[in-house]
PDB file of N, CA and C in Angstrom:
ATOM      1  N   MET A   1      16.604  -5.514 -18.104  1.00  0.00           N
ATOM      2  CA  MET A   1      16.238  -4.728 -16.959  1.00  0.00           C
ATOM      3  C   MET A   1      14.834  -4.145 -17.141  1.00  0.00           C
ATOM      4  N   ARG A   2      14.548  -3.656 -18.322  1.00  0.00           N
ATOM      5  CA  ARG A   2      13.231  -3.080 -18.583  1.00  0.00           C
ATOM      6  C   ARG A   2      12.142  -4.136 -18.465  1.00  0.00           C
ATOM      7  N   LEU A   3      12.427  -5.322 -18.961  1.00  0.00           N
ATOM      8  CA  LEU A   3      11.451  -6.408 -18.886  1.00  0.00           C
ATOM      9  C   LEU A   3      11.159  -6.757 -17.433  1.00  0.00           C
ATOM     10  N   THR A   4      12.166  -6.762 -16.606  1.00  0.00           N
ATOM     11  CA  THR A   4      11.980  -7.046 -15.184  1.00  0.00           C
ATOM     12  C   THR A   4      11.114  -5.973 -14.538  1.00  0.00           C
ATOM     13  N   ALA A   5      11.392  -4.719 -14.827  1.00  0.00           N
ATOM     14  CA  ALA A   5      10.623  -3.619 -14.260  1.00  0.00           C
ATOM     15  C   ALA A   5       9.176  -3.650 -14.746  1.00  0.00           C
ATOM     16  N   MET A   6       8.971  -3.920 -16.025  1.00  0.00           N
ATOM     17  CA  MET A   6       7.611  -3.995 -16.558  1.00  0.00           C
ATOM     18  C   MET A   6       6.841  -5.155 -15.935  1.00  0.00           C
ATOM     19  N   SER A   7       7.507  -6.284 -15.765  1.00  0.00           N
ATOM     20  CA  SER A   7       6.857  -7.446 -15.157  1.00  0.00           C
ATOM     21  C   SER A   7       6.458  -7.149 -13.716  1.00  0.00           C
ATOM     22  N   TYR A   8       7.354  -6.522 -12.975  1.00  0.00           N
ATOM     23  CA  TYR A   8       7.060  -6.162 -11.592  1.00  0.00           C
ATOM     24  C   TYR A   8       5.861  -5.217 -11.521  1.00  0.00           C
ATOM     25  N   ASN A   9       5.861  -4.188 -12.355  1.00  0.00           N
ATOM     26  CA  ASN A   9       4.767  -3.217 -12.349  1.00  0.00           C
ATOM     27  C   ASN A   9       3.446  -3.870 -12.738  1.00  0.00           C
ATOM     28  N   LEU A  10       3.486  -4.769 -13.680  1.00  0.00           N
ATOM     29  CA  LEU A  10       2.274  -5.474 -14.088  1.00  0.00           C
ATOM     30  C   LEU A  10       1.732  -6.342 -12.953  1.00  0.00           C
ATOM     31  N   MET A  11       2.610  -7.005 -12.246  1.00  0.00           N
ATOM     32  CA  MET A  11       2.181  -7.828 -11.111  1.00  0.00           C
ATOM     33  C   MET A  11       1.589  -6.958 -10.005  1.00  0.00           C
ATOM     34  N   ARG A  12       2.159  -5.777  -9.789  1.00  0.00           N
ATOM     35  CA  ARG A  12       1.619  -4.867  -8.781  1.00  0.00           C
ATOM     36  C   ARG A  12       0.215  -4.400  -9.160  1.00  0.00           C
ATOM     37  N   VAL A  13      -0.016  -4.149 -10.442  1.00  0.00           N
ATOM     38  CA  VAL A  13      -1.342  -3.738 -10.904  1.00  0.00           C
ATOM     39  C   VAL A  13      -2.348  -4.860 -10.643  1.00  0.00           C
ATOM     40  N   PHE A  14      -1.974  -6.089 -10.988  1.00  0.00           N
ATOM     41  CA  PHE A  14      -2.864  -7.218 -10.743  1.00  0.00           C
ATOM     42  C   PHE A  14      -3.150  -7.387  -9.254  1.00  0.00           C
ATOM     43  N   GLU A  15      -2.143  -7.183  -8.430  1.00  0.00           N
ATOM     44  CA  GLU A  15      -2.322  -7.316  -6.981  1.00  0.00           C
ATOM     45  C   GLU A  15      -3.292  -6.258  -6.451  1.00  0.00           C
ATOM     46  N   GLU A  16      -3.132  -5.018  -6.892  1.00  0.00           N
ATOM     47  CA  GLU A  16      -4.010  -3.946  -6.436  1.00  0.00           C
ATOM     48  C   GLU A  16      -5.442  -4.157  -6.908  1.00  0.00           C
ATOM     49  N   ILE A  17      -5.612  -4.620  -8.127  1.00  0.00           N
ATOM     50  CA  ILE A  17      -6.956  -4.892  -8.643  1.00  0.00           C
ATOM     51  C   ILE A  17      -7.615  -6.004  -7.838  1.00  0.00           C
ATOM     52  N   SER A  18      -6.859  -7.065  -7.539  1.00  0.00           N
ATOM     53  CA  SER A  18      -7.441  -8.177  -6.780  1.00  0.00           C
ATOM     54  C   SER A  18      -7.798  -7.746  -5.365  1.00  0.00           C
ATOM     55  N   LYS A  19      -7.037  -6.832  -4.786  1.00  0.00           N
ATOM     56  CA  LYS A  19      -7.355  -6.339  -3.442  1.00  0.00           C
ATOM     57  C   LYS A  19      -8.669  -5.565  -3.427  1.00  0.00           C
ATOM     58  N   THR A  20      -8.940  -4.822  -4.475  1.00  0.00           N
ATOM     59  CA  THR A  20     -10.179  -4.046  -4.509  1.00  0.00           C
ATOM     60  C   THR A  20     -11.380  -4.923  -4.837  1.00  0.00           C
ATOM     61  N   GLN A  21     -11.180  -5.947  -5.646  1.00  0.00           N
ATOM     62  CA  GLN A  21     -12.301  -6.798  -6.040  1.00  0.00           C
ATOM     63  C   GLN A  21     -12.623  -7.867  -5.004  1.00  0.00           C
ATOM     64  N   LEU A  22     -11.607  -8.390  -4.320  1.00  0.00           N
ATOM     65  CA  LEU A  22     -11.801  -9.449  -3.328  1.00  0.00           C
ATOM     66  C   LEU A  22     -11.082  -9.079  -2.027  1.00  0.00           C
ATOM     67  N   PRO A  23     -11.663  -8.164  -1.251  1.00  0.00           N
ATOM     68  CA  PRO A  23     -10.966  -7.699  -0.041  1.00  0.00           C
ATOM     69  C   PRO A  23     -10.762  -8.793   1.012  1.00  0.00           C
ATOM     70  N   GLU A  24     -11.525  -9.878   0.959  1.00  0.00           N
ATOM     71  CA  GLU A  24     -11.340 -10.944   1.940  1.00  0.00           C
ATOM     72  C   GLU A  24     -10.049 -11.727   1.714  1.00  0.00           C
ATOM     73  N   LEU A  25      -9.419 -11.555   0.560  1.00  0.00           N
ATOM     74  CA  LEU A  25      -8.169 -12.255   0.264  1.00  0.00           C
ATOM     75  C   LEU A  25      -6.922 -11.461   0.663  1.00  0.00           C
ATOM     76  N   ILE A  26      -7.114 -10.291   1.245  1.00  0.00           N
ATOM     77  CA  ILE A  26      -5.976  -9.478   1.665  1.00  0.00           C
ATOM     78  C   ILE A  26      -5.315 -10.153   2.861  1.00  0.00           C
ATOM     79  N   HIS A  27      -4.020 -10.282   2.797  1.00  0.00           N
ATOM     80  CA  HIS A  27      -3.260 -10.939   3.870  1.00  0.00           C
ATOM     81  C   HIS A  27      -3.343 -10.103   5.158  1.00  0.00           C
ATOM     82  N   PRO A  28      -3.456 -10.766   6.308  1.00  0.00           N
ATOM     83  CA  PRO A  28      -3.547 -10.028   7.575  1.00  0.00           C
ATOM     84  C   PRO A  28      -2.390  -9.060   7.822  1.00  0.00           C
ATOM     85  N   SER A  29      -1.198  -9.397   7.362  1.00  0.00           N
ATOM     86  CA  SER A  29      -0.065  -8.482   7.565  1.00  0.00           C
ATOM     87  C   SER A  29      -0.249  -7.193   6.750  1.00  0.00           C
ATOM     88  N   ASP A  30      -0.872  -7.301   5.576  1.00  0.00           N
ATOM     89  CA  ASP A  30      -1.162  -6.100   4.780  1.00  0.00           C
ATOM     90  C   ASP A  30      -2.173  -5.214   5.488  1.00  0.00           C
ATOM     91  N   LYS A  31      -3.180  -5.831   6.090  1.00  0.00           N
ATOM     92  CA  LYS A  31      -4.183  -5.069   6.834  1.00  0.00           C
ATOM     93  C   LYS A  31      -3.548  -4.362   8.019  1.00  0.00           C
ATOM     94  N   LYS A  32      -2.692  -5.080   8.737  1.00  0.00           N
ATOM     95  CA  LYS A  32      -2.021  -4.510   9.904  1.00  0.00           C
ATOM     96  C   LYS A  32      -1.134  -3.334   9.501  1.00  0.00           C
ATOM     97  N   TYR A  33      -0.397  -3.482   8.403  1.00  0.00           N
ATOM     98  CA  TYR A  33       0.468  -2.413   7.920  1.00  0.00           C
ATOM     99  C   TYR A  33      -0.357  -1.187   7.524  1.00  0.00           C
ATOM    100  N   SER A  34      -1.473  -1.411   6.849  1.00  0.00           N
ATOM    101  CA  SER A  34      -2.325  -0.297   6.415  1.00  0.00           C
ATOM    102  C   SER A  34      -2.891   0.451   7.618  1.00  0.00           C
ATOM    103  N   GLU A  35      -3.307  -0.291   8.631  1.00  0.00           N
ATOM    104  CA  GLU A  35      -3.843   0.350   9.833  1.00  0.00           C
ATOM    105  C   GLU A  35      -2.765   1.162  10.550  1.00  0.00           C
ATOM    106  N   ALA A  36      -1.569   0.610  10.655  1.00  0.00           N
ATOM    107  CA  ALA A  36      -0.470   1.335  11.293  1.00  0.00           C
ATOM    108  C   ALA A  36      -0.107   2.585  10.499  1.00  0.00           C
ATOM    109  N   LEU A  37      -0.167   2.485   9.198  1.00  0.00           N
ATOM    110  CA  LEU A  37       0.140   3.632   8.351  1.00  0.00           C
ATOM    111  C   LEU A  37      -0.912   4.728   8.504  1.00  0.00           C
ATOM    112  N   GLU A  38      -2.161   4.345   8.665  1.00  0.00           N
ATOM    113  CA  GLU A  38      -3.226   5.326   8.900  1.00  0.00           C
ATOM    114  C   GLU A  38      -2.988   6.070  10.213  1.00  0.00           C
ATOM    115  N   ILE A  39      -2.584   5.339  11.238  1.00  0.00           N
ATOM    116  CA  ILE A  39      -2.309   5.963  12.531  1.00  0.00           C
ATOM    117  C   ILE A  39      -1.147   6.943  12.396  1.00  0.00           C
ATOM    118  N   ARG A  40      -0.085   6.536  11.683  1.00  0.00           N
ATOM    119  CA  ARG A  40       1.049   7.436  11.457  1.00  0.00           C
ATOM    120  C   ARG A  40       0.622   8.684  10.705  1.00  0.00           C
ATOM    121  N   GLN A  41      -0.274   8.507   9.724  1.00  0.00           N
ATOM    122  CA  GLN A  41      -0.757   9.637   8.931  1.00  0.00           C
ATOM    123  C   GLN A  41      -1.528  10.616   9.816  1.00  0.00           C
ATOM    124  N   GLN A  42      -2.372  10.093  10.690  1.00  0.00           N
ATOM    125  CA  GLN A  42      -3.151  10.952  11.588  1.00  0.00           C
ATOM    126  C   GLN A  42      -2.235  11.707  12.552  1.00  0.00           C
ATOM    127  N   GLN A  43      -1.240  11.016  13.083  1.00  0.00           N
ATOM    128  CA  GLN A  43      -0.299  11.674  13.999  1.00  0.00           C
ATOM    129  C   GLN A  43       0.500  12.751  13.273  1.00  0.00           C
ATOM    130  N   ALA A  44       0.880  12.488  12.052  1.00  0.00           N
ATOM    131  CA  ALA A  44       1.640  13.471  11.282  1.00  0.00           C
ATOM    132  C   ALA A  44       0.789  14.699  10.976  1.00  0.00           C
ATOM    133  N   GLN A  45      -0.482  14.482  10.665  1.00  0.00           N
ATOM    134  CA  GLN A  45      -1.358  15.615  10.357  1.00  0.00           C
ATOM    135  C   GLN A  45      -1.558  16.506  11.581  1.00  0.00           C
ATOM    136  N   LYS A  46      -1.588  15.901  12.757  1.00  0.00           N
ATOM    137  CA  LYS A  46      -1.727  16.696  13.980  1.00  0.00           C
ATOM    138  C   LYS A  46      -0.542  17.635  14.153  1.00  0.00           C
ATOM    139  N   ARG A  47       0.619  17.232  13.641  1.00  0.00           N
ATOM    140  CA  ARG A  47       1.830  18.039  13.751  1.00  0.00           C
ATOM    141  C   ARG A  47       2.095  18.856  12.487  1.00  0.00           C
ATOM    142  N   ASP A  48       1.106  18.924  11.605  1.00  0.00           N
ATOM    143  CA  ASP A  48       1.233  19.642  10.329  1.00  0.00           C
ATOM    144  C   ASP A  48       2.373  19.089   9.477  1.00  0.00           C
ATOM    145  N   ARG A  49       2.481  17.766   9.455  1.00  0.00           N
ATOM    146  CA  ARG A  49       3.484  17.086   8.636  1.00  0.00           C
ATOM    147  C   ARG A  49       2.793  16.024   7.806  1.00  0.00           C
ATOM    148  N   PHE A  50       3.566  15.231   7.118  1.00  0.00           N
ATOM    149  CA  PHE A  50       2.987  14.165   6.307  1.00  0.00           C
ATOM    150  C   PHE A  50       3.906  12.953   6.300  1.00  0.00           C
ATOM    151  N   VAL A  51       3.319  11.803   5.986  1.00  0.00           N
ATOM    152  CA  VAL A  51       4.089  10.567   5.856  1.00  0.00           C
ATOM    153  C   VAL A  51       4.563  10.469   4.412  1.00  0.00           C
ATOM    154  N   ASN A  52       5.779  10.032   4.246  1.00  0.00           N
ATOM    155  CA  ASN A  52       6.339   9.885   2.903  1.00  0.00           C
ATOM    156  C   ASN A  52       5.420   9.009   2.041  1.00  0.00           C
ATOM    157  N   PRO A  53       5.031   9.485   0.863  1.00  0.00           N
ATOM    158  CA  PRO A  53       4.109   8.730  -0.002  1.00  0.00           C
ATOM    159  C   PRO A  53       4.645   7.363  -0.427  1.00  0.00           C
ATOM    160  N   LEU A  54       5.947   7.160  -0.356  1.00  0.00           N
ATOM    161  CA  LEU A  54       6.503   5.868  -0.751  1.00  0.00           C
ATOM    162  C   LEU A  54       6.096   4.764   0.226  1.00  0.00           C
ATOM    163  N   PHE A  55       5.659   5.111   1.420  1.00  0.00           N
ATOM    164  CA  PHE A  55       5.192   4.099   2.361  1.00  0.00           C
ATOM    165  C   PHE A  55       3.830   3.541   1.963  1.00  0.00           C
ATOM    166  N   PHE A  56       3.083   4.304   1.180  1.00  0.00           N
ATOM    167  CA  PHE A  56       1.771   3.831   0.731  1.00  0.00           C
ATOM    168  C   PHE A  56       1.982   2.995  -0.464  1.00  0.00           C
TER     169      PHE A  56
END
């Protein structure tokens, strides 16, 4: 179980690094999700609330 969790976390780190170094390789669905999340964040701030950090 630990090996599975470590492998998953390592893959996530590689994915995040590749997104910052080569932004043109980001999948369109990821871009769409990020934009929608930004809109939700702005709407929540207007109401003095916040979006759950697990969505990021």
